[in-house]
Amino acid sequence: MLLFTIALAVASCGEKSGDTGDAVPQQARVAAAPAPGVTDSTDWKNVDQALGRTGKVQPGEVYKYSMPRSDLRVSAGGVAVKPALALGSWVAFKRADGTAMAMGDLVLTENEIAPVMR
């Protein structure tokens, strides 16, 4: 369900009509690349709302959400693992040719796996 919600939110962030697509030569697209800190014409507010947090612009026109799991208490060999060290989930999005690519890493408990996989 979460993945469907994220996909729906990303789909609603599509580029505005009138996109010239491949009609613009590659050299012109590179020359007209957005300024640093600007991902593209995508409005990420719908994704922010779906995830309940604000993402951050990363190098390469990537929009990333970090989701630390401070609710978990984990130890390895009797040593407590700090949440900031290894218990952070994240998901990142990048617009590409009118679509969006997503990549991420989720820290889940055993009971959370099945609902996420649906």
PDB file of N, CA and C in Angstrom:
ATOM      1  N   MET A   1       0.823  -1.187   0.000  1.00  0.00           N
ATOM      2  CA  MET A   1       0.000   0.000   0.000  1.00  0.00           C
ATOM      3  C   MET A   1       0.871   1.257   0.000  1.00  0.00           C
ATOM      4  N   LEU A   2       1.941   1.231   0.825  1.00  0.00           N
ATOM      5  CA  LEU A   2       2.836   2.373   0.874  1.00  0.00           C
ATOM      6  C   LEU A   2       3.475   2.622  -0.486  1.00  0.00           C
ATOM      7  N   LEU A   3       3.923   1.569  -1.146  1.00  0.00           N
ATOM      8  CA  LEU A   3       4.542   1.728  -2.464  1.00  0.00           C
ATOM      9  C   LEU A   3       3.549   2.271  -3.481  1.00  0.00           C
ATOM     10  N   PHE A   4       2.288   1.829  -3.415  1.00  0.00           N
ATOM     11  CA  PHE A   4       1.261   2.339  -4.313  1.00  0.00           C
ATOM     12  C   PHE A   4       1.046   3.824  -4.067  1.00  0.00           C
ATOM     13  N   THR A   5       0.987   4.228  -2.789  1.00  0.00           N
ATOM     14  CA  THR A   5       0.787   5.634  -2.444  1.00  0.00           C
ATOM     15  C   THR A   5       1.929   6.481  -2.970  1.00  0.00           C
ATOM     16  N   ILE A   6       3.155   5.999  -2.804  1.00  0.00           N
ATOM     17  CA  ILE A   6       4.311   6.739  -3.296  1.00  0.00           C
ATOM     18  C   ILE A   6       4.274   6.839  -4.819  1.00  0.00           C
ATOM     19  N   ALA A   7       3.970   5.726  -5.492  1.00  0.00           N
ATOM     20  CA  ALA A   7       3.906   5.733  -6.959  1.00  0.00           C
ATOM     21  C   ALA A   7       2.841   6.702  -7.452  1.00  0.00           C
ATOM     22  N   LEU A   8       1.695   6.716  -6.784  1.00  0.00           N
ATOM     23  CA  LEU A   8       0.616   7.624  -7.163  1.00  0.00           C
ATOM     24  C   LEU A   8       1.044   9.074  -6.967  1.00  0.00           C
ATOM     25  N   ALA A   9       1.706   9.353  -5.861  1.00  0.00           N
ATOM     26  CA  ALA A   9       2.162  10.714  -5.598  1.00  0.00           C
ATOM     27  C   ALA A   9       3.191  11.153  -6.629  1.00  0.00           C
ATOM     28  N   VAL A  10       4.117  10.288  -6.987  1.00  0.00           N
ATOM     29  CA  VAL A  10       5.129  10.633  -7.989  1.00  0.00           C
ATOM     30  C   VAL A  10       4.480  10.852  -9.347  1.00  0.00           C
ATOM     31  N   ALA A  11       3.512  10.012  -9.688  1.00  0.00           N
ATOM     32  CA  ALA A  11       2.833  10.159 -10.978  1.00  0.00           C
ATOM     33  C   ALA A  11       2.117  11.498 -11.073  1.00  0.00           C
ATOM     34  N   SER A  12       1.608  11.995  -9.953  1.00  0.00           N
ATOM     35  CA  SER A  12       0.889  13.266  -9.980  1.00  0.00           C
ATOM     36  C   SER A  12       1.837  14.449 -10.078  1.00  0.00           C
ATOM     37  N   CYS A  13       3.126  14.202  -9.995  1.00  0.00           N
ATOM     38  CA  CYS A  13       4.125  15.263 -10.089  1.00  0.00           C
ATOM     39  C   CYS A  13       4.661  15.404 -11.500  1.00  0.00           C
ATOM     40  N   GLY A  14       3.978  14.876 -12.480  1.00  0.00           N
ATOM     41  CA  GLY A  14       4.446  14.871 -13.859  1.00  0.00           C
ATOM     42  C   GLY A  14       4.724  16.250 -14.399  1.00  0.00           C
ATOM     43  N   GLU A  15       5.446  16.267 -15.487  1.00  0.00           N
ATOM     44  CA  GLU A  15       5.781  17.526 -16.125  1.00  0.00           C
ATOM     45  C   GLU A  15       4.542  18.136 -16.747  1.00  0.00           C
ATOM     46  N   LYS A  16       4.583  19.448 -16.882  1.00  0.00           N
ATOM     47  CA  LYS A  16       3.448  20.171 -17.450  1.00  0.00           C
ATOM     48  C   LYS A  16       3.299  19.848 -18.935  1.00  0.00           C
ATOM     49  N   SER A  17       2.078  20.007 -19.450  1.00  0.00           N
ATOM     50  CA  SER A  17       1.848  19.753 -20.869  1.00  0.00           C
ATOM     51  C   SER A  17       2.671  20.725 -21.695  1.00  0.00           C
ATOM     52  N   GLY A  18       2.940  20.343 -22.902  1.00  0.00           N
ATOM     53  CA  GLY A  18       3.772  21.170 -23.756  1.00  0.00           C
ATOM     54  C   GLY A  18       5.238  20.781 -23.684  1.00  0.00           C
ATOM     55  N   ASP A  19       5.539  19.705 -22.969  1.00  0.00           N
ATOM     56  CA  ASP A  19       6.906  19.203 -22.869  1.00  0.00           C
ATOM     57  C   ASP A  19       7.407  18.885 -24.276  1.00  0.00           C
ATOM     58  N   THR A  20       8.594  19.370 -24.607  1.00  0.00           N
ATOM     59  CA  THR A  20       9.119  19.154 -25.955  1.00  0.00           C
ATOM     60  C   THR A  20       9.768  17.797 -26.106  1.00  0.00           C
ATOM     61  N   GLY A  21      10.019  17.101 -25.009  1.00  0.00           N
ATOM     62  CA  GLY A  21      10.546  15.734 -25.059  1.00  0.00           C
ATOM     63  C   GLY A  21      11.792  15.633 -25.907  1.00  0.00           C
ATOM     64  N   ASP A  22      11.808  14.678 -26.820  1.00  0.00           N
ATOM     65  CA  ASP A  22      12.982  14.432 -27.645  1.00  0.00           C
ATOM     66  C   ASP A  22      13.135  15.427 -28.785  1.00  0.00           C
ATOM     67  N   ALA A  23      12.203  16.359 -28.938  1.00  0.00           N
ATOM     68  CA  ALA A  23      12.318  17.355 -29.995  1.00  0.00           C
ATOM     69  C   ALA A  23      13.485  18.303 -29.717  1.00  0.00           C
ATOM     70  N   VAL A  24      13.963  18.350 -28.465  1.00  0.00           N
ATOM     71  CA  VAL A  24      15.078  19.215 -28.104  1.00  0.00           C
ATOM     72  C   VAL A  24      16.363  18.404 -28.189  1.00  0.00           C
ATOM     73  N   PRO A  25      17.344  18.864 -28.955  1.00  0.00           N
ATOM     74  CA  PRO A  25      18.602  18.125 -29.057  1.00  0.00           C
ATOM     75  C   PRO A  25      19.256  17.954 -27.688  1.00  0.00           C
ATOM     76  N   GLN A  26      20.000  16.864 -27.527  1.00  0.00           N
ATOM     77  CA  GLN A  26      20.659  16.566 -26.247  1.00  0.00           C
ATOM     78  C   GLN A  26      21.544  17.724 -25.795  1.00  0.00           C
ATOM     79  N   GLN A  27      22.290  18.354 -26.727  1.00  0.00           N
ATOM     80  CA  GLN A  27      23.174  19.448 -26.359  1.00  0.00           C
ATOM     81  C   GLN A  27      22.388  20.601 -25.751  1.00  0.00           C
ATOM     82  N   ALA A  28      21.210  20.889 -26.292  1.00  0.00           N
ATOM     83  CA  ALA A  28      20.396  21.987 -25.771  1.00  0.00           C
ATOM     84  C   ALA A  28      19.878  21.655 -24.382  1.00  0.00           C
ATOM     85  N   ARG A  29      19.520  20.382 -24.149  1.00  0.00           N
ATOM     86  CA  ARG A  29      19.034  19.991 -22.821  1.00  0.00           C
ATOM     87  C   ARG A  29      20.142  20.116 -21.786  1.00  0.00           C
ATOM     88  N   VAL A  30      21.363  19.747 -22.147  1.00  0.00           N
ATOM     89  CA  VAL A  30      22.478  19.858 -21.212  1.00  0.00           C
ATOM     90  C   VAL A  30      22.755  21.324 -20.926  1.00  0.00           C
ATOM     91  N   ALA A  31      22.755  22.153 -21.960  1.00  0.00           N
ATOM     92  CA  ALA A  31      23.026  23.572 -21.784  1.00  0.00           C
ATOM     93  C   ALA A  31      21.955  24.245 -20.941  1.00  0.00           C
ATOM     94  N   ALA A  32      20.729  23.733 -20.998  1.00  0.00           N
ATOM     95  CA  ALA A  32      19.631  24.337 -20.255  1.00  0.00           C
ATOM     96  C   ALA A  32      19.371  23.613 -18.942  1.00  0.00           C
ATOM     97  N   ALA A  33      20.372  22.910 -18.432  1.00  0.00           N
ATOM     98  CA  ALA A  33      20.206  22.171 -17.173  1.00  0.00           C
ATOM     99  C   ALA A  33      19.865  23.139 -16.051  1.00  0.00           C
ATOM    100  N   PRO A  34      19.036  22.693 -15.099  1.00  0.00           N
ATOM    101  CA  PRO A  34      18.648  23.575 -14.007  1.00  0.00           C
ATOM    102  C   PRO A  34      19.837  23.943 -13.124  1.00  0.00           C
ATOM    103  N   ALA A  35      19.683  25.049 -12.436  1.00  0.00           N
ATOM    104  CA  ALA A  35      20.718  25.497 -11.513  1.00  0.00           C
ATOM    105  C   ALA A  35      20.854  24.513 -10.359  1.00  0.00           C
ATOM    106  N   PRO A  36      22.025  24.445  -9.738  1.00  0.00           N
ATOM    107  CA  PRO A  36      22.182  23.541  -8.594  1.00  0.00           C
ATOM    108  C   PRO A  36      21.126  23.836  -7.533  1.00  0.00           C
ATOM    109  N   GLY A  37      20.582  22.787  -6.945  1.00  0.00           N
ATOM    110  CA  GLY A  37      19.554  22.946  -5.923  1.00  0.00           C
ATOM    111  C   GLY A  37      18.149  22.880  -6.478  1.00  0.00           C
ATOM    112  N   VAL A  38      18.002  22.890  -7.796  1.00  0.00           N
ATOM    113  CA  VAL A  38      16.690  22.787  -8.420  1.00  0.00           C
ATOM    114  C   VAL A  38      16.619  21.433  -9.106  1.00  0.00           C
ATOM    115  N   THR A  39      15.665  20.575  -8.696  1.00  0.00           N
ATOM    116  CA  THR A  39      15.630  19.235  -9.270  1.00  0.00           C
ATOM    117  C   THR A  39      15.129  19.242 -10.699  1.00  0.00           C
ATOM    118  N   ASP A  40      14.042  19.905 -10.983  1.00  0.00           N
ATOM    119  CA  ASP A  40      13.460  20.020 -12.312  1.00  0.00           C
ATOM    120  C   ASP A  40      12.132  20.736 -12.139  1.00  0.00           C
ATOM    121  N   SER A  41      11.255  20.625 -13.116  1.00  0.00           N
ATOM    122  CA  SER A  41       9.968  21.305 -13.001  1.00  0.00           C
ATOM    123  C   SER A  41       8.983  20.531 -12.137  1.00  0.00           C
ATOM    124  N   THR A  42       9.392  19.410 -11.583  1.00  0.00           N
ATOM    125  CA  THR A  42       8.509  18.580 -10.778  1.00  0.00           C
ATOM    126  C   THR A  42       8.176  19.275  -9.469  1.00  0.00           C
ATOM    127  N   ASP A  43       6.901  19.232  -9.117  1.00  0.00           N
ATOM    128  CA  ASP A  43       6.455  19.743  -7.830  1.00  0.00           C
ATOM    129  C   ASP A  43       6.385  18.550  -6.880  1.00  0.00           C
ATOM    130  N   TRP A  44       7.319  18.459  -5.965  1.00  0.00           N
ATOM    131  CA  TRP A  44       7.425  17.308  -5.073  1.00  0.00           C
ATOM    132  C   TRP A  44       6.491  17.401  -3.870  1.00  0.00           C
ATOM    133  N   LYS A  45       5.663  18.440  -3.787  1.00  0.00           N
ATOM    134  CA  LYS A  45       4.783  18.608  -2.622  1.00  0.00           C
ATOM    135  C   LYS A  45       3.820  17.444  -2.439  1.00  0.00           C
ATOM    136  N   ASN A  46       3.332  16.852  -3.525  1.00  0.00           N
ATOM    137  CA  ASN A  46       2.423  15.704  -3.394  1.00  0.00           C
ATOM    138  C   ASN A  46       3.135  14.502  -2.780  1.00  0.00           C
ATOM    139  N   VAL A  47       4.391  14.304  -3.142  1.00  0.00           N
ATOM    140  CA  VAL A  47       5.164  13.203  -2.564  1.00  0.00           C
ATOM    141  C   VAL A  47       5.460  13.518  -1.097  1.00  0.00           C
ATOM    142  N   ASP A  48       5.824  14.773  -0.802  1.00  0.00           N
ATOM    143  CA  ASP A  48       6.038  15.186   0.589  1.00  0.00           C
ATOM    144  C   ASP A  48       4.810  14.857   1.434  1.00  0.00           C
ATOM    145  N   GLN A  49       3.651  15.201   0.904  1.00  0.00           N
ATOM    146  CA  GLN A  49       2.401  14.969   1.633  1.00  0.00           C
ATOM    147  C   GLN A  49       2.143  13.467   1.815  1.00  0.00           C
ATOM    148  N   ALA A  50       2.367  12.673   0.783  1.00  0.00           N
ATOM    149  CA  ALA A  50       2.124  11.228   0.872  1.00  0.00           C
ATOM    150  C   ALA A  50       3.050  10.566   1.891  1.00  0.00           C
ATOM    151  N   LEU A  51       4.291  11.049   1.979  1.00  0.00           N
ATOM    152  CA  LEU A  51       5.252  10.453   2.902  1.00  0.00           C
ATOM    153  C   LEU A  51       5.235  11.097   4.284  1.00  0.00           C
ATOM    154  N   GLY A  52       4.545  12.223   4.409  1.00  0.00           N
ATOM    155  CA  GLY A  52       4.458  12.887   5.706  1.00  0.00           C
ATOM    156  C   GLY A  52       5.742  13.566   6.140  1.00  0.00           C
ATOM    157  N   ARG A  53       6.569  13.923   5.187  1.00  0.00           N
ATOM    158  CA  ARG A  53       7.835  14.594   5.487  1.00  0.00           C
ATOM    159  C   ARG A  53       8.322  15.302   4.225  1.00  0.00           C
ATOM    160  N   THR A  54       9.272  16.201   4.396  1.00  0.00           N
ATOM    161  CA  THR A  54       9.822  16.946   3.268  1.00  0.00           C
ATOM    162  C   THR A  54      11.126  16.302   2.820  1.00  0.00           C
ATOM    163  N   GLY A  55      11.247  16.113   1.528  1.00  0.00           N
ATOM    164  CA  GLY A  55      12.479  15.562   0.983  1.00  0.00           C
ATOM    165  C   GLY A  55      13.526  16.642   0.806  1.00  0.00           C
ATOM    166  N   LYS A  56      14.731  16.215   0.428  1.00  0.00           N
ATOM    167  CA  LYS A  56      15.827  17.160   0.225  1.00  0.00           C
ATOM    168  C   LYS A  56      16.471  16.909  -1.127  1.00  0.00           C
ATOM    169  N   VAL A  57      16.832  17.991  -1.784  1.00  0.00           N
ATOM    170  CA  VAL A  57      17.506  17.919  -3.078  1.00  0.00           C
ATOM    171  C   VAL A  57      18.928  17.413  -2.861  1.00  0.00           C
ATOM    172  N   GLN A  58      19.323  16.441  -3.681  1.00  0.00           N
ATOM    173  CA  GLN A  58      20.658  15.857  -3.639  1.00  0.00           C
ATOM    174  C   GLN A  58      21.353  16.139  -4.973  1.00  0.00           C
ATOM    175  N   PRO A  59      22.664  15.980  -5.034  1.00  0.00           N
ATOM    176  CA  PRO A  59      23.360  16.151  -6.317  1.00  0.00           C
ATOM    177  C   PRO A  59      22.787  15.218  -7.381  1.00  0.00           C
ATOM    178  N   GLY A  60      22.790  15.671  -8.611  1.00  0.00           N
ATOM    179  CA  GLY A  60      22.292  14.865  -9.717  1.00  0.00           C
ATOM    180  C   GLY A  60      20.788  14.964  -9.893  1.00  0.00           C
ATOM    181  N   GLU A  61      20.190  16.032  -9.379  1.00  0.00           N
ATOM    182  CA  GLU A  61      18.744  16.252  -9.525  1.00  0.00           C
ATOM    183  C   GLU A  61      17.923  15.127  -8.898  1.00  0.00           C
ATOM    184  N   VAL A  62      18.379  14.642  -7.755  1.00  0.00           N
ATOM    185  CA  VAL A  62      17.703  13.572  -7.017  1.00  0.00           C
ATOM    186  C   VAL A  62      16.991  14.195  -5.827  1.00  0.00           C
ATOM    187  N   TYR A  63      15.773  13.706  -5.531  1.00  0.00           N
ATOM    188  CA  TYR A  63      14.997  14.184  -4.389  1.00  0.00           C
ATOM    189  C   TYR A  63      14.905  13.031  -3.402  1.00  0.00           C
ATOM    190  N   LYS A  64      15.464  13.196  -2.192  1.00  0.00           N
ATOM    191  CA  LYS A  64      15.613  12.094  -1.236  1.00  0.00           C
ATOM    192  C   LYS A  64      14.869  12.358   0.072  1.00  0.00           C
ATOM    193  N   TYR A  65      14.254  11.289   0.578  1.00  0.00           N
ATOM    194  CA  TYR A  65      13.573  11.310   1.869  1.00  0.00           C
ATOM    195  C   TYR A  65      14.313  10.375   2.813  1.00  0.00           C
ATOM    196  N   SER A  66      14.657  10.865   3.990  1.00  0.00           N
ATOM    197  CA  SER A  66      15.289  10.037   5.013  1.00  0.00           C
ATOM    198  C   SER A  66      14.271   9.756   6.105  1.00  0.00           C
ATOM    199  N   MET A  67      14.262   8.514   6.583  1.00  0.00           N
ATOM    200  CA  MET A  67      13.293   8.102   7.595  1.00  0.00           C
ATOM    201  C   MET A  67      14.001   7.285   8.672  1.00  0.00           C
ATOM    202  N   PRO A  68      14.604   7.961   9.655  1.00  0.00           N
ATOM    203  CA  PRO A  68      15.305   7.232  10.706  1.00  0.00           C
ATOM    204  C   PRO A  68      14.337   6.422  11.568  1.00  0.00           C
ATOM    205  N   ARG A  69      14.768   5.277  12.040  1.00  0.00           N
ATOM    206  CA  ARG A  69      13.948   4.392  12.880  1.00  0.00           C
ATOM    207  C   ARG A  69      14.409   4.491  14.330  1.00  0.00           C
ATOM    208  N   SER A  70      14.123   5.586  14.987  1.00  0.00           N
ATOM    209  CA  SER A  70      14.511   5.761  16.386  1.00  0.00           C
ATOM    210  C   SER A  70      13.625   4.955  17.332  1.00  0.00           C
ATOM    211  N   ASP A  71      12.580   4.312  16.804  1.00  0.00           N
ATOM    212  CA  ASP A  71      11.683   3.495  17.629  1.00  0.00           C
ATOM    213  C   ASP A  71      12.241   2.097  17.886  1.00  0.00           C
ATOM    214  N   LEU A  72      13.305   1.709  17.208  1.00  0.00           N
ATOM    215  CA  LEU A  72      13.860   0.363  17.351  1.00  0.00           C
ATOM    216  C   LEU A  72      15.048   0.361  18.307  1.00  0.00           C
ATOM    217  N   ARG A  73      15.158  -0.700  19.086  1.00  0.00           N
ATOM    218  CA  ARG A  73      16.316  -0.913  19.960  1.00  0.00           C
ATOM    219  C   ARG A  73      17.021  -2.170  19.455  1.00  0.00           C
ATOM    220  N   VAL A  74      18.192  -1.991  18.882  1.00  0.00           N
ATOM    221  CA  VAL A  74      18.917  -3.096  18.260  1.00  0.00           C
ATOM    222  C   VAL A  74      20.309  -3.186  18.885  1.00  0.00           C
ATOM    223  N   SER A  75      20.753  -4.420  19.095  1.00  0.00           N
ATOM    224  CA  SER A  75      22.124  -4.619  19.566  1.00  0.00           C
ATOM    225  C   SER A  75      22.763  -5.735  18.748  1.00  0.00           C
ATOM    226  N   ALA A  76      24.066  -5.656  18.618  1.00  0.00           N
ATOM    227  CA  ALA A  76      24.841  -6.679  17.905  1.00  0.00           C
ATOM    228  C   ALA A  76      26.021  -7.044  18.790  1.00  0.00           C
ATOM    229  N   GLY A  77      26.082  -8.294  19.188  1.00  0.00           N
ATOM    230  CA  GLY A  77      27.157  -8.731  20.075  1.00  0.00           C
ATOM    231  C   GLY A  77      27.137  -8.006  21.406  1.00  0.00           C
ATOM    232  N   GLY A  78      25.948  -7.647  21.869  1.00  0.00           N
ATOM    233  CA  GLY A  78      25.812  -6.953  23.143  1.00  0.00           C
ATOM    234  C   GLY A  78      26.057  -5.456  23.080  1.00  0.00           C
ATOM    235  N   VAL A  79      26.345  -4.934  21.901  1.00  0.00           N
ATOM    236  CA  VAL A  79      26.596  -3.502  21.732  1.00  0.00           C
ATOM    237  C   VAL A  79      25.388  -2.868  21.054  1.00  0.00           C
ATOM    238  N   ALA A  80      24.863  -1.806  21.656  1.00  0.00           N
ATOM    239  CA  ALA A  80      23.703  -1.112  21.091  1.00  0.00           C
ATOM    240  C   ALA A  80      24.089  -0.444  19.771  1.00  0.00           C
ATOM    241  N   VAL A  81      23.240  -0.616  18.770  1.00  0.00           N
ATOM    242  CA  VAL A  81      23.442   0.017  17.466  1.00  0.00           C
ATOM    243  C   VAL A  81      22.702   1.345  17.475  1.00  0.00           C
ATOM    244  N   LYS A  82      23.412   2.418  17.192  1.00  0.00           N
ATOM    245  CA  LYS A  82      22.786   3.742  17.166  1.00  0.00           C
ATOM    246  C   LYS A  82      21.906   3.848  15.925  1.00  0.00           C
ATOM    247  N   PRO A  83      20.665   4.356  16.083  1.00  0.00           N
ATOM    248  CA  PRO A  83      19.759   4.469  14.930  1.00  0.00           C
ATOM    249  C   PRO A  83      20.363   5.244  13.761  1.00  0.00           C
ATOM    250  N   ALA A  84      21.097   6.303  14.049  1.00  0.00           N
ATOM    251  CA  ALA A  84      21.682   7.108  12.971  1.00  0.00           C
ATOM    252  C   ALA A  84      22.755   6.344  12.204  1.00  0.00           C
ATOM    253  N   LEU A  85      23.330   5.320  12.829  1.00  0.00           N
ATOM    254  CA  LEU A  85      24.402   4.568  12.184  1.00  0.00           C
ATOM    255  C   LEU A  85      23.880   3.582  11.149  1.00  0.00           C
ATOM    256  N   ALA A  86      22.840   2.821  11.494  1.00  0.00           N
ATOM    257  CA  ALA A  86      22.430   1.743  10.584  1.00  0.00           C
ATOM    258  C   ALA A  86      20.936   1.486  10.542  1.00  0.00           C
ATOM    259  N   LEU A  87      20.141   2.321  11.165  1.00  0.00           N
ATOM    260  CA  LEU A  87      18.706   2.045  11.225  1.00  0.00           C
ATOM    261  C   LEU A  87      17.893   3.109  10.496  1.00  0.00           C
ATOM    262  N   GLY A  88      18.412   3.606   9.414  1.00  0.00           N
ATOM    263  CA  GLY A  88      17.712   4.641   8.667  1.00  0.00           C
ATOM    264  C   GLY A  88      17.184   4.133   7.343  1.00  0.00           C
ATOM    265  N   SER A  89      15.892   4.313   7.126  1.00  0.00           N
ATOM    266  CA  SER A  89      15.300   4.023   5.819  1.00  0.00           C
ATOM    267  C   SER A  89      15.423   5.270   4.959  1.00  0.00           C
ATOM    268  N   TRP A  90      15.421   5.080   3.656  1.00  0.00           N
ATOM    269  CA  TRP A  90      15.435   6.220   2.746  1.00  0.00           C
ATOM    270  C   TRP A  90      14.810   5.816   1.420  1.00  0.00           C
ATOM    271  N   VAL A  91      14.314   6.798   0.712  1.00  0.00           N
ATOM    272  CA  VAL A  91      13.820   6.600  -0.647  1.00  0.00           C
ATOM    273  C   VAL A  91      14.184   7.858  -1.432  1.00  0.00           C
ATOM    274  N   ALA A  92      14.616   7.663  -2.674  1.00  0.00           N
ATOM    275  CA  ALA A  92      15.016   8.788  -3.514  1.00  0.00           C
ATOM    276  C   ALA A  92      14.352   8.663  -4.878  1.00  0.00           C
ATOM    277  N   PHE A  93      14.056   9.807  -5.471  1.00  0.00           N
ATOM    278  CA  PHE A  93      13.381   9.856  -6.765  1.00  0.00           C
ATOM    279  C   PHE A  93      14.183  10.724  -7.724  1.00  0.00           C
ATOM    280  N   LYS A  94      14.147  10.356  -8.988  1.00  0.00           N
ATOM    281  CA  LYS A  94      14.768  11.164 -10.041  1.00  0.00           C
ATOM    282  C   LYS A  94      13.862  11.128 -11.258  1.00  0.00           C
ATOM    283  N   ARG A  95      13.582  12.300 -11.796  1.00  0.00           N
ATOM    284  CA  ARG A  95      12.790  12.392 -13.021  1.00  0.00           C
ATOM    285  C   ARG A  95      13.684  12.020 -14.193  1.00  0.00           C
ATOM    286  N   ALA A  96      13.127  11.264 -15.137  1.00  0.00           N
ATOM    287  CA  ALA A  96      13.892  10.862 -16.314  1.00  0.00           C
ATOM    288  C   ALA A  96      12.943  10.652 -17.482  1.00  0.00           C
ATOM    289  N   ASP A  97      13.083  11.460 -18.501  1.00  0.00           N
ATOM    290  CA  ASP A  97      12.288  11.320 -19.729  1.00  0.00           C
ATOM    291  C   ASP A  97      10.793  11.222 -19.457  1.00  0.00           C
ATOM    292  N   GLY A  98      10.271  12.098 -18.600  1.00  0.00           N
ATOM    293  CA  GLY A  98       8.832  12.143 -18.343  1.00  0.00           C
ATOM    294  C   GLY A  98       8.338  11.093 -17.363  1.00  0.00           C
ATOM    295  N   THR A  99       9.228  10.307 -16.789  1.00  0.00           N
ATOM    296  CA  THR A  99       8.844   9.315 -15.785  1.00  0.00           C
ATOM    297  C   THR A  99       9.679   9.571 -14.529  1.00  0.00           C
ATOM    298  N   ALA A 100       9.485   8.745 -13.529  1.00  0.00           N
ATOM    299  CA  ALA A 100      10.289   8.876 -12.313  1.00  0.00           C
ATOM    300  C   ALA A 100      10.881   7.524 -11.948  1.00  0.00           C
ATOM    301  N   MET A 101      12.112   7.550 -11.503  1.00  0.00           N
ATOM    302  CA  MET A 101      12.772   6.345 -11.019  1.00  0.00           C
ATOM    303  C   MET A 101      12.857   6.469  -9.502  1.00  0.00           C
ATOM    304  N   ALA A 102      12.613   5.367  -8.802  1.00  0.00           N
ATOM    305  CA  ALA A 102      12.699   5.362  -7.340  1.00  0.00           C
ATOM    306  C   ALA A 102      13.703   4.311  -6.893  1.00  0.00           C
ATOM    307  N   MET A 103      14.406   4.628  -5.825  1.00  0.00           N
ATOM    308  CA  MET A 103      15.345   3.679  -5.230  1.00  0.00           C
ATOM    309  C   MET A 103      15.339   3.948  -3.734  1.00  0.00           C
ATOM    310  N   GLY A 104      15.521   2.908  -2.949  1.00  0.00           N
ATOM    311  CA  GLY A 104      15.536   3.132  -1.516  1.00  0.00           C
ATOM    312  C   GLY A 104      15.985   1.925  -0.740  1.00  0.00           C
ATOM    313  N   ASP A 105      15.954   2.085   0.555  1.00  0.00           N
ATOM    314  CA  ASP A 105      16.351   1.041   1.486  1.00  0.00           C
ATOM    315  C   ASP A 105      15.447   1.182   2.705  1.00  0.00           C
ATOM    316  N   LEU A 106      14.743   0.117   3.054  1.00  0.00           N
ATOM    317  CA  LEU A 106      13.816   0.168   4.177  1.00  0.00           C
ATOM    318  C   LEU A 106      14.320  -0.681   5.330  1.00  0.00           C
ATOM    319  N   VAL A 107      14.289  -0.126   6.517  1.00  0.00           N
ATOM    320  CA  VAL A 107      14.576  -0.867   7.739  1.00  0.00           C
ATOM    321  C   VAL A 107      13.225  -1.277   8.298  1.00  0.00           C
ATOM    322  N   LEU A 108      12.961  -2.599   8.314  1.00  0.00           N
ATOM    323  CA  LEU A 108      11.651  -3.112   8.716  1.00  0.00           C
ATOM    324  C   LEU A 108      11.787  -4.176   9.793  1.00  0.00           C
ATOM    325  N   THR A 109      10.773  -4.247  10.656  1.00  0.00           N
ATOM    326  CA  THR A 109      10.690  -5.362  11.591  1.00  0.00           C
ATOM    327  C   THR A 109      10.027  -6.519  10.863  1.00  0.00           C
ATOM    328  N   GLU A 110      10.087  -7.699  11.439  1.00  0.00           N
ATOM    329  CA  GLU A 110       9.491  -8.881  10.814  1.00  0.00           C
ATOM    330  C   GLU A 110       8.006  -8.678  10.524  1.00  0.00           C
ATOM    331  N   ASN A 111       7.287  -8.022  11.430  1.00  0.00           N
ATOM    332  CA  ASN A 111       5.846  -7.798  11.252  1.00  0.00           C
ATOM    333  C   ASN A 111       5.532  -6.754  10.182  1.00  0.00           C
ATOM    334  N   GLU A 112       6.490  -5.949   9.787  1.00  0.00           N
ATOM    335  CA  GLU A 112       6.259  -4.898   8.792  1.00  0.00           C
ATOM    336  C   GLU A 112       6.533  -5.357   7.364  1.00  0.00           C
ATOM    337  N   ILE A 113       7.183  -6.475   7.192  1.00  0.00           N
ATOM    338  CA  ILE A 113       7.582  -6.917   5.851  1.00  0.00           C
ATOM    339  C   ILE A 113       6.384  -7.231   4.962  1.00  0.00           C
ATOM    340  N   ALA A 114       5.459  -8.065   5.414  1.00  0.00           N
ATOM    341  CA  ALA A 114       4.316  -8.482   4.580  1.00  0.00           C
ATOM    342  C   ALA A 114       3.472  -7.298   4.109  1.00  0.00           C
ATOM    343  N   PRO A 115       3.093  -6.344   4.980  1.00  0.00           N
ATOM    344  CA  PRO A 115       2.300  -5.207   4.490  1.00  0.00           C
ATOM    345  C   PRO A 115       3.029  -4.369   3.437  1.00  0.00           C
ATOM    346  N   VAL A 116       4.337  -4.238   3.557  1.00  0.00           N
ATOM    347  CA  VAL A 116       5.101  -3.459   2.580  1.00  0.00           C
ATOM    348  C   VAL A 116       5.178  -4.190   1.245  1.00  0.00           C
ATOM    349  N   MET A 117       5.252  -5.510   1.281  1.00  0.00           N
ATOM    350  CA  MET A 117       5.381  -6.301   0.058  1.00  0.00           C
ATOM    351  C   MET A 117       4.081  -6.398  -0.740  1.00  0.00           C
ATOM    352  N   ARG A 118       2.968  -6.047  -0.163  1.00  0.00           N
ATOM    353  CA  ARG A 118       1.685  -6.127  -0.894  1.00  0.00           C
ATOM    354  C   ARG A 118       1.605  -5.116  -1.979  1.00  0.00           C
TER     355      ARG A 118
END
